[in-house]
Amino acid sequence: SERDLTSALVRLMNPGQKAIYFLTGHGERDIQNAGDASYTIAKSALEAKNYTVQSSNLIAQNKIPDDATVIVIVGPTQPISAAELTLLQDYVSKGGALVVMNEPAELTQFGNSPDPLAAYLVSSWGIAFDNDIVIDTNTSQPLYAVAATYGNNPITEKLQGRVSFYPTACSLSITPNLPTSPVPLVTTNNSAWGETDFASMQTNGQVSFDPAVDVPGPLTLAVAAADTTSGSHLVVFGDTDSASNVFFNQYANGDVFINALDWTAGQ
């Protein structure tokens, strides 16, 4: 088939297998068992590009796998530990690559627990998860944030004019003028906003923009950054559903995710 031929060409262009590890142990998305929320389709798409894709439990193994090209953290419902963060920091500082995809804090079990990974992203990379849920009233599904523009990065340079969407996403904030030069990858239109009144959403399902407390659009949904000194690469998404099985093959959702993995892996 055309897909088989394309996959064969990709394997010829990338003859050396690179290993991608999905972190487990904190309620992350499943890459082994199929389901709407799982990442088994994404795993198959990566394997078709000659990647090896496996799980890694840092709590049990207490080390980053020696062959890891990219570590992927998709939708943890509980925060990673300080000891795990130390392993990840050491890995990234030596040129490792990291992809982080988080749901809004309100949809996790983080509660008031410290989040070492989020603190690290802010302090070392200038990327923060906003405490909101993105509302996009230009769509029939206001909780589906739609990409209005893409940033100037190899991940998105060929996606201009194509739609991708991010269900129940949180927005991201960037600290400018850092050596890692964080670049917005995906941005909403001006009319979207970051809703912070979660109680109202839960009780009556009604939301409206309140300039006193909500985050005004346009909002950043994904960010890429690179450390030219260490050679490390980072991509952060304020969403996990867009590349899950139920949404992966819709519009450009899967392309954004696979391109992000290719870029961080140096492909």
C-alpha atoms as a PDB file:
ATOM      1  CA  SER A   1       0.000   0.000   0.000  1.00  0.00           C
ATOM      2  CA  GLU A   2       0.985   3.650  -0.196  1.00  0.00           C
ATOM      3  CA  ARG A   3       1.499   3.683   3.575  1.00  0.00           C
ATOM      4  CA  ASP A   4       3.818   0.655   3.404  1.00  0.00           C
ATOM      5  CA  LEU A   5       5.855   2.302   0.662  1.00  0.00           C
ATOM      6  CA  THR A   6       6.107   5.554   2.604  1.00  0.00           C
ATOM      7  CA  SER A   7       7.144   3.699   5.757  1.00  0.00           C
ATOM      8  CA  ALA A   8       9.828   1.833   3.831  1.00  0.00           C
ATOM      9  CA  LEU A   9      11.231   5.089   2.459  1.00  0.00           C
ATOM     10  CA  VAL A  10      11.262   6.604   5.953  1.00  0.00           C
ATOM     11  CA  ARG A  11      13.156   3.589   7.327  1.00  0.00           C
ATOM     12  CA  LEU A  12      15.732   3.891   4.541  1.00  0.00           C
ATOM     13  CA  MET A  13      16.186   7.588   5.344  1.00  0.00           C
ATOM     14  CA  ASN A  14      16.534   6.795   9.067  1.00  0.00           C
ATOM     15  CA  PRO A  15      18.313   3.429   9.221  1.00  0.00           C
ATOM     16  CA  GLY A  16      19.401   3.687  12.862  1.00  0.00           C
ATOM     17  CA  GLN A  17      16.588   3.061  15.306  1.00  0.00           C
ATOM     18  CA  LYS A  18      16.031   5.686  17.980  1.00  0.00           C
ATOM     19  CA  ALA A  19      14.358   4.833  21.264  1.00  0.00           C
ATOM     20  CA  ILE A  20      11.397   6.773  22.640  1.00  0.00           C
ATOM     21  CA  TYR A  21      10.257   6.088  26.198  1.00  0.00           C
ATOM     22  CA  PHE A  22       6.833   7.013  27.598  1.00  0.00           C
ATOM     23  CA  LEU A  23       6.995   7.630  31.337  1.00  0.00           C
ATOM     24  CA  THR A  24       4.669   5.568  33.557  1.00  0.00           C
ATOM     25  CA  GLY A  25       3.834   5.408  37.246  1.00  0.00           C
ATOM     26  CA  HIS A  26       1.751   8.575  37.616  1.00  0.00           C
ATOM     27  CA  GLY A  27      -1.445   7.734  35.711  1.00  0.00           C
ATOM     28  CA  GLU A  28      -0.055   8.598  32.264  1.00  0.00           C
ATOM     29  CA  ARG A  29      -1.762   7.578  29.018  1.00  0.00           C
ATOM     30  CA  ASP A  30      -1.442   3.894  28.058  1.00  0.00           C
ATOM     31  CA  ILE A  31       0.663   2.897  25.028  1.00  0.00           C
ATOM     32  CA  GLN A  32       0.042  -0.857  25.362  1.00  0.00           C
ATOM     33  CA  ASN A  33      -3.732  -1.359  25.615  1.00  0.00           C
ATOM     34  CA  ALA A  34      -6.085   0.173  23.063  1.00  0.00           C
ATOM     35  CA  GLY A  35      -8.789   2.600  24.177  1.00  0.00           C
ATOM     36  CA  ASP A  36     -10.083   6.042  23.268  1.00  0.00           C
ATOM     37  CA  ALA A  37      -7.727   7.759  25.750  1.00  0.00           C
ATOM     38  CA  SER A  38      -4.730   5.535  24.940  1.00  0.00           C
ATOM     39  CA  TYR A  39      -1.731   6.363  22.736  1.00  0.00           C
ATOM     40  CA  THR A  40      -1.480   3.064  20.869  1.00  0.00           C
ATOM     41  CA  ILE A  41      -2.135   4.689  17.460  1.00  0.00           C
ATOM     42  CA  ALA A  42       0.593   7.255  18.135  1.00  0.00           C
ATOM     43  CA  LYS A  43       2.912   4.402  19.138  1.00  0.00           C
ATOM     44  CA  SER A  44       2.228   2.559  15.861  1.00  0.00           C
ATOM     45  CA  ALA A  45       2.843   5.746  13.860  1.00  0.00           C
ATOM     46  CA  LEU A  46       6.214   6.214  15.583  1.00  0.00           C
ATOM     47  CA  GLU A  47       7.199   2.580  15.020  1.00  0.00           C
ATOM     48  CA  ALA A  48       6.374   3.001  11.326  1.00  0.00           C
ATOM     49  CA  LYS A  49       9.050   5.718  11.278  1.00  0.00           C
ATOM     50  CA  ASN A  50      11.631   3.267  12.662  1.00  0.00           C
ATOM     51  CA  TYR A  51      11.478   4.358  16.294  1.00  0.00           C
ATOM     52  CA  THR A  52      11.420   1.830  19.104  1.00  0.00           C
ATOM     53  CA  VAL A  53       8.710   2.806  21.579  1.00  0.00           C
ATOM     54  CA  GLN A  54       8.654   1.519  25.150  1.00  0.00           C
ATOM     55  CA  SER A  55       7.485   2.430  28.636  1.00  0.00           C
ATOM     56  CA  SER A  56       9.778   3.513  31.453  1.00  0.00           C
ATOM     57  CA  ASN A  57       9.014   3.589  35.180  1.00  0.00           C
ATOM     58  CA  LEU A  58      11.648   5.749  36.847  1.00  0.00           C
ATOM     59  CA  ILE A  59      10.349   4.912  40.310  1.00  0.00           C
ATOM     60  CA  ALA A  60      11.036   1.207  39.749  1.00  0.00           C
ATOM     61  CA  GLN A  61      14.167   1.510  37.590  1.00  0.00           C
ATOM     62  CA  ASN A  62      15.776   4.572  39.222  1.00  0.00           C
ATOM     63  CA  LYS A  63      17.564   5.477  35.967  1.00  0.00           C
ATOM     64  CA  ILE A  64      16.943   6.861  32.512  1.00  0.00           C
ATOM     65  CA  PRO A  65      17.376   4.094  29.905  1.00  0.00           C
ATOM     66  CA  ASP A  66      20.823   4.355  28.321  1.00  0.00           C
ATOM     67  CA  ASP A  67      19.426   4.375  24.765  1.00  0.00           C
ATOM     68  CA  ALA A  68      16.714   6.983  25.374  1.00  0.00           C
ATOM     69  CA  THR A  69      16.491   9.526  22.555  1.00  0.00           C
ATOM     70  CA  VAL A  70      13.291  11.151  23.851  1.00  0.00           C
ATOM     71  CA  ILE A  71      11.383  10.873  27.120  1.00  0.00           C
ATOM     72  CA  VAL A  72       7.637  11.528  26.755  1.00  0.00           C
ATOM     73  CA  ILE A  73       5.391  12.419  29.697  1.00  0.00           C
ATOM     74  CA  VAL A  74       1.727  12.286  28.659  1.00  0.00           C
ATOM     75  CA  GLY A  75      -1.059  13.215  31.040  1.00  0.00           C
ATOM     76  CA  PRO A  76       0.165  12.336  34.529  1.00  0.00           C
ATOM     77  CA  THR A  77      -2.681  12.518  37.034  1.00  0.00           C
ATOM     78  CA  GLN A  78      -0.231  12.756  39.929  1.00  0.00           C
ATOM     79  CA  PRO A  79       3.045  14.735  40.045  1.00  0.00           C
ATOM     80  CA  ILE A  80       6.409  13.083  39.493  1.00  0.00           C
ATOM     81  CA  SER A  81       8.710  12.932  42.506  1.00  0.00           C
ATOM     82  CA  ALA A  82      11.726  15.106  43.233  1.00  0.00           C
ATOM     83  CA  ALA A  83      13.989  12.059  42.795  1.00  0.00           C
ATOM     84  CA  GLU A  84      12.559  11.393  39.320  1.00  0.00           C
ATOM     85  CA  LEU A  85      12.984  15.037  38.376  1.00  0.00           C
ATOM     86  CA  THR A  86      16.670  14.828  39.344  1.00  0.00           C
ATOM     87  CA  LEU A  87      17.084  11.949  36.881  1.00  0.00           C
ATOM     88  CA  LEU A  88      15.252  13.863  34.146  1.00  0.00           C
ATOM     89  CA  GLN A  89      17.249  17.060  34.768  1.00  0.00           C
ATOM     90  CA  ASP A  90      20.531  15.173  34.509  1.00  0.00           C
ATOM     91  CA  TYR A  91      19.348  13.492  31.304  1.00  0.00           C
ATOM     92  CA  VAL A  92      18.260  16.770  29.703  1.00  0.00           C
ATOM     93  CA  SER A  93      21.413  18.610  30.784  1.00  0.00           C
ATOM     94  CA  LYS A  94      23.451  16.096  28.785  1.00  0.00           C
ATOM     95  CA  GLY A  95      21.549  16.738  25.550  1.00  0.00           C
ATOM     96  CA  GLY A  96      18.435  14.670  26.180  1.00  0.00           C
ATOM     97  CA  ALA A  97      15.027  15.473  24.737  1.00  0.00           C
ATOM     98  CA  LEU A  98      11.750  15.817  26.600  1.00  0.00           C
ATOM     99  CA  VAL A  99       8.102  16.074  25.506  1.00  0.00           C
ATOM    100  CA  VAL A 100       5.629  17.039  28.245  1.00  0.00           C
ATOM    101  CA  MET A 101       1.855  16.969  27.754  1.00  0.00           C
ATOM    102  CA  ASN A 102      -0.307  18.025  30.725  1.00  0.00           C
ATOM    103  CA  GLU A 103      -4.040  18.341  31.270  1.00  0.00           C
ATOM    104  CA  PRO A 104      -5.427  21.353  33.175  1.00  0.00           C
ATOM    105  CA  ALA A 105      -4.660  20.944  36.881  1.00  0.00           C
ATOM    106  CA  GLU A 106      -8.389  20.894  37.649  1.00  0.00           C
ATOM    107  CA  LEU A 107      -8.690  17.610  35.705  1.00  0.00           C
ATOM    108  CA  THR A 108      -5.847  15.888  37.569  1.00  0.00           C
ATOM    109  CA  GLN A 109      -5.355  14.607  41.100  1.00  0.00           C
ATOM    110  CA  PHE A 110      -2.482  16.997  41.807  1.00  0.00           C
ATOM    111  CA  GLY A 111      -4.469  18.993  44.371  1.00  0.00           C
ATOM    112  CA  ASN A 112      -2.113  21.119  46.456  1.00  0.00           C
ATOM    113  CA  SER A 113       0.814  18.708  46.064  1.00  0.00           C
ATOM    114  CA  PRO A 114       4.092  20.246  44.835  1.00  0.00           C
ATOM    115  CA  ASP A 115       4.782  19.677  41.146  1.00  0.00           C
ATOM    116  CA  PRO A 116       8.567  19.434  40.706  1.00  0.00           C
ATOM    117  CA  LEU A 117       8.322  19.043  36.921  1.00  0.00           C
ATOM    118  CA  ALA A 118       6.234  22.199  36.486  1.00  0.00           C
ATOM    119  CA  ALA A 119       8.639  24.125  38.725  1.00  0.00           C
ATOM    120  CA  TYR A 120      11.589  22.907  36.644  1.00  0.00           C
ATOM    121  CA  LEU A 121       9.940  23.965  33.380  1.00  0.00           C
ATOM    122  CA  VAL A 122       9.430  27.454  34.769  1.00  0.00           C
ATOM    123  CA  SER A 123      12.866  27.915  36.336  1.00  0.00           C
ATOM    124  CA  SER A 124      15.003  26.315  33.598  1.00  0.00           C
ATOM    125  CA  TRP A 125      12.933  26.831  30.450  1.00  0.00           C
ATOM    126  CA  GLY A 126      10.592  29.753  31.200  1.00  0.00           C
ATOM    127  CA  ILE A 127       7.454  27.734  30.383  1.00  0.00           C
ATOM    128  CA  ALA A 128       4.504  27.671  32.802  1.00  0.00           C
ATOM    129  CA  PHE A 129       1.146  25.890  32.818  1.00  0.00           C
ATOM    130  CA  ASP A 130      -1.631  28.385  33.489  1.00  0.00           C
ATOM    131  CA  ASN A 131      -4.311  27.356  35.984  1.00  0.00           C
ATOM    132  CA  ASP A 132      -7.177  27.536  33.501  1.00  0.00           C
ATOM    133  CA  ILE A 133      -9.210  25.640  30.901  1.00  0.00           C
ATOM    134  CA  VAL A 134      -9.241  27.121  27.404  1.00  0.00           C
ATOM    135  CA  ILE A 135     -12.667  28.128  26.068  1.00  0.00           C
ATOM    136  CA  ASP A 136     -13.051  28.679  22.315  1.00  0.00           C
ATOM    137  CA  THR A 137     -16.570  29.838  21.474  1.00  0.00           C
ATOM    138  CA  ASN A 138     -15.829  29.999  17.730  1.00  0.00           C
ATOM    139  CA  THR A 139     -16.354  26.229  17.591  1.00  0.00           C
ATOM    140  CA  SER A 140     -19.381  24.025  18.198  1.00  0.00           C
ATOM    141  CA  GLN A 141     -17.396  22.498  21.073  1.00  0.00           C
ATOM    142  CA  PRO A 142     -16.199  25.414  23.263  1.00  0.00           C
ATOM    143  CA  LEU A 143     -13.881  23.097  25.215  1.00  0.00           C
ATOM    144  CA  TYR A 144     -12.012  22.218  21.986  1.00  0.00           C
ATOM    145  CA  ALA A 145      -9.334  24.866  21.525  1.00  0.00           C
ATOM    146  CA  VAL A 146      -8.577  25.251  17.798  1.00  0.00           C
ATOM    147  CA  ALA A 147      -5.180  26.256  16.400  1.00  0.00           C
ATOM    148  CA  ALA A 148      -5.516  29.628  14.688  1.00  0.00           C
ATOM    149  CA  THR A 149      -1.807  30.116  13.970  1.00  0.00           C
ATOM    150  CA  TYR A 150       1.377  28.058  14.117  1.00  0.00           C
ATOM    151  CA  GLY A 151       4.825  29.241  15.140  1.00  0.00           C
ATOM    152  CA  ASN A 152       8.013  29.465  13.116  1.00  0.00           C
ATOM    153  CA  ASN A 153       9.509  26.070  13.876  1.00  0.00           C
ATOM    154  CA  PRO A 154      10.240  22.904  11.833  1.00  0.00           C
ATOM    155  CA  ILE A 155       7.470  21.147  13.789  1.00  0.00           C
ATOM    156  CA  THR A 156       4.774  23.364  12.340  1.00  0.00           C
ATOM    157  CA  GLU A 157       6.290  24.943   9.218  1.00  0.00           C
ATOM    158  CA  LYS A 158       4.392  22.579   6.881  1.00  0.00           C
ATOM    159  CA  LEU A 159       1.125  22.747   8.817  1.00  0.00           C
ATOM    160  CA  GLN A 160       0.201  26.329   7.942  1.00  0.00           C
ATOM    161  CA  GLY A 161      -3.423  26.438   6.854  1.00  0.00           C
ATOM    162  CA  ARG A 162      -4.267  23.107   8.478  1.00  0.00           C
ATOM    163  CA  VAL A 163      -6.466  22.656  11.526  1.00  0.00           C
ATOM    164  CA  SER A 164      -5.533  20.946  14.768  1.00  0.00           C
ATOM    165  CA  PHE A 165      -7.542  21.061  17.974  1.00  0.00           C
ATOM    166  CA  TYR A 166      -6.920  20.479  21.673  1.00  0.00           C
ATOM    167  CA  PRO A 167      -9.813  19.304  23.885  1.00  0.00           C
ATOM    168  CA  THR A 168      -9.864  20.503  27.501  1.00  0.00           C
ATOM    169  CA  ALA A 169      -6.502  22.262  27.260  1.00  0.00           C
ATOM    170  CA  CYS A 170      -4.771  24.702  29.555  1.00  0.00           C
ATOM    171  CA  SER A 171      -2.829  27.668  28.242  1.00  0.00           C
ATOM    172  CA  LEU A 172       0.923  28.152  28.563  1.00  0.00           C
ATOM    173  CA  SER A 173       2.866  31.251  29.577  1.00  0.00           C
ATOM    174  CA  ILE A 174       6.380  32.001  28.310  1.00  0.00           C
ATOM    175  CA  THR A 175       9.142  34.039  29.909  1.00  0.00           C
ATOM    176  CA  PRO A 176      10.765  35.972  27.031  1.00  0.00           C
ATOM    177  CA  ASN A 177      14.455  36.633  26.366  1.00  0.00           C
ATOM    178  CA  LEU A 178      15.790  33.367  27.769  1.00  0.00           C
ATOM    179  CA  PRO A 179      18.785  31.523  26.257  1.00  0.00           C
ATOM    180  CA  THR A 180      16.495  28.560  25.454  1.00  0.00           C
ATOM    181  CA  SER A 181      14.307  30.866  23.309  1.00  0.00           C
ATOM    182  CA  PRO A 182      10.879  29.248  23.869  1.00  0.00           C
ATOM    183  CA  VAL A 183       8.775  29.498  20.691  1.00  0.00           C
ATOM    184  CA  PRO A 184       4.957  29.296  20.659  1.00  0.00           C
ATOM    185  CA  LEU A 185       3.994  26.398  18.372  1.00  0.00           C
ATOM    186  CA  VAL A 186       0.207  26.566  18.513  1.00  0.00           C
ATOM    187  CA  THR A 187      -1.870  29.658  19.272  1.00  0.00           C
ATOM    188  CA  THR A 188      -5.640  30.210  19.503  1.00  0.00           C
ATOM    189  CA  ASN A 189      -7.588  33.107  18.044  1.00  0.00           C
ATOM    190  CA  ASN A 190      -8.189  36.329  19.970  1.00  0.00           C
ATOM    191  CA  SER A 191     -11.689  35.376  21.119  1.00  0.00           C
ATOM    192  CA  ALA A 192     -10.560  32.306  23.075  1.00  0.00           C
ATOM    193  CA  TRP A 193      -9.835  32.720  26.757  1.00  0.00           C
ATOM    194  CA  GLY A 194      -8.529  30.796  29.747  1.00  0.00           C
ATOM    195  CA  GLU A 195     -11.448  30.170  32.115  1.00  0.00           C
ATOM    196  CA  THR A 196     -10.538  30.136  35.819  1.00  0.00           C
ATOM    197  CA  ASP A 197     -14.027  29.856  37.386  1.00  0.00           C
ATOM    198  CA  PHE A 198     -14.057  26.069  37.617  1.00  0.00           C
ATOM    199  CA  ALA A 199     -16.869  26.018  40.181  1.00  0.00           C
ATOM    200  CA  SER A 200     -19.263  27.716  37.757  1.00  0.00           C
ATOM    201  CA  MET A 201     -18.315  25.286  34.988  1.00  0.00           C
ATOM    202  CA  GLN A 202     -19.067  22.315  37.233  1.00  0.00           C
ATOM    203  CA  THR A 203     -22.341  23.564  38.727  1.00  0.00           C
ATOM    204  CA  ASN A 204     -24.196  25.033  35.753  1.00  0.00           C
ATOM    205  CA  GLY A 205     -21.912  24.561  32.761  1.00  0.00           C
ATOM    206  CA  GLN A 206     -22.083  28.277  31.987  1.00  0.00           C
ATOM    207  CA  VAL A 207     -18.948  30.309  31.283  1.00  0.00           C
ATOM    208  CA  SER A 208     -18.236  33.851  30.152  1.00  0.00           C
ATOM    209  CA  PHE A 209     -15.072  35.861  29.882  1.00  0.00           C
ATOM    210  CA  ASP A 210     -14.245  37.857  33.014  1.00  0.00           C
ATOM    211  CA  PRO A 211     -11.309  40.198  32.300  1.00  0.00           C
ATOM    212  CA  ALA A 212     -10.607  40.511  36.022  1.00  0.00           C
ATOM    213  CA  VAL A 213      -9.685  36.848  36.528  1.00  0.00           C
ATOM    214  CA  ASP A 214      -9.635  35.003  33.181  1.00  0.00           C
ATOM    215  CA  VAL A 215      -6.677  34.791  30.770  1.00  0.00           C
ATOM    216  CA  PRO A 216      -7.385  36.749  27.560  1.00  0.00           C
ATOM    217  CA  GLY A 217      -6.630  35.337  24.110  1.00  0.00           C
ATOM    218  CA  PRO A 218      -4.790  34.649  21.961  1.00  0.00           C
ATOM    219  CA  LEU A 219      -3.520  31.752  24.064  1.00  0.00           C
ATOM    220  CA  THR A 220      -0.476  29.536  23.597  1.00  0.00           C
ATOM    221  CA  LEU A 221      -1.265  25.795  23.593  1.00  0.00           C
ATOM    222  CA  ALA A 222       2.172  24.348  22.774  1.00  0.00           C
ATOM    223  CA  VAL A 223       5.775  25.559  23.057  1.00  0.00           C
ATOM    224  CA  ALA A 224       9.137  24.358  21.715  1.00  0.00           C
ATOM    225  CA  ALA A 225      12.550  25.260  23.140  1.00  0.00           C
ATOM    226  CA  ALA A 226      16.167  24.241  22.592  1.00  0.00           C
ATOM    227  CA  ASP A 227      19.319  24.668  24.656  1.00  0.00           C
ATOM    228  CA  THR A 228      22.134  25.337  22.204  1.00  0.00           C
ATOM    229  CA  THR A 229      24.750  24.729  24.900  1.00  0.00           C
ATOM    230  CA  SER A 230      23.715  21.199  25.850  1.00  0.00           C
ATOM    231  CA  GLY A 231      21.876  20.340  22.624  1.00  0.00           C
ATOM    232  CA  SER A 232      18.726  19.420  24.521  1.00  0.00           C
ATOM    233  CA  HIS A 233      15.235  19.893  23.090  1.00  0.00           C
ATOM    234  CA  LEU A 234      11.882  20.369  24.788  1.00  0.00           C
ATOM    235  CA  VAL A 235       8.262  20.490  23.613  1.00  0.00           C
ATOM    236  CA  VAL A 236       5.408  21.250  26.012  1.00  0.00           C
ATOM    237  CA  PHE A 237       1.665  20.886  25.320  1.00  0.00           C
ATOM    238  CA  GLY A 238      -1.149  22.129  27.541  1.00  0.00           C
ATOM    239  CA  ASP A 239      -3.222  19.146  26.413  1.00  0.00           C
ATOM    240  CA  THR A 240      -3.050  15.358  26.122  1.00  0.00           C
ATOM    241  CA  ASP A 241      -6.273  14.411  24.311  1.00  0.00           C
ATOM    242  CA  SER A 242      -5.318  15.744  20.866  1.00  0.00           C
ATOM    243  CA  ALA A 243      -2.970  12.817  20.104  1.00  0.00           C
ATOM    244  CA  SER A 244      -4.997  10.133  21.880  1.00  0.00           C
ATOM    245  CA  ASN A 245      -6.557   7.307  19.858  1.00  0.00           C
ATOM    246  CA  VAL A 246      -9.932   9.004  19.463  1.00  0.00           C
ATOM    247  CA  PHE A 247      -8.456  12.233  18.028  1.00  0.00           C
ATOM    248  CA  PHE A 248      -5.062  11.265  16.546  1.00  0.00           C
ATOM    249  CA  ASN A 249      -6.274  10.835  12.949  1.00  0.00           C
ATOM    250  CA  GLN A 250      -8.494  13.917  12.957  1.00  0.00           C
ATOM    251  CA  TYR A 251      -7.229  16.916  10.977  1.00  0.00           C
ATOM    252  CA  ALA A 252      -3.529  17.641  11.725  1.00  0.00           C
ATOM    253  CA  ASN A 253      -3.578  16.418  15.334  1.00  0.00           C
ATOM    254  CA  GLY A 254      -1.366  13.400  14.745  1.00  0.00           C
ATOM    255  CA  ASP A 255       1.009  15.364  12.519  1.00  0.00           C
ATOM    256  CA  VAL A 256       1.671  17.945  15.234  1.00  0.00           C
ATOM    257  CA  PHE A 257       2.504  15.210  17.740  1.00  0.00           C
ATOM    258  CA  ILE A 258       4.703  13.130  15.408  1.00  0.00           C
ATOM    259  CA  ASN A 259       6.516  16.245  14.156  1.00  0.00           C
ATOM    260  CA  ALA A 260       7.209  17.229  17.764  1.00  0.00           C
ATOM    261  CA  LEU A 261       8.758  13.825  18.428  1.00  0.00           C
ATOM    262  CA  ASP A 262      10.808  13.997  15.211  1.00  0.00           C
ATOM    263  CA  TRP A 263      12.141  17.445  16.098  1.00  0.00           C
ATOM    264  CA  THR A 264      13.111  16.530  19.640  1.00  0.00           C
ATOM    265  CA  ALA A 265      14.728  13.321  18.344  1.00  0.00           C
ATOM    266  CA  GLY A 266      16.757  15.258  15.766  1.00  0.00           C
ATOM    267  CA  GLN A 267      15.065  13.621  12.779  1.00  0.00           C
END
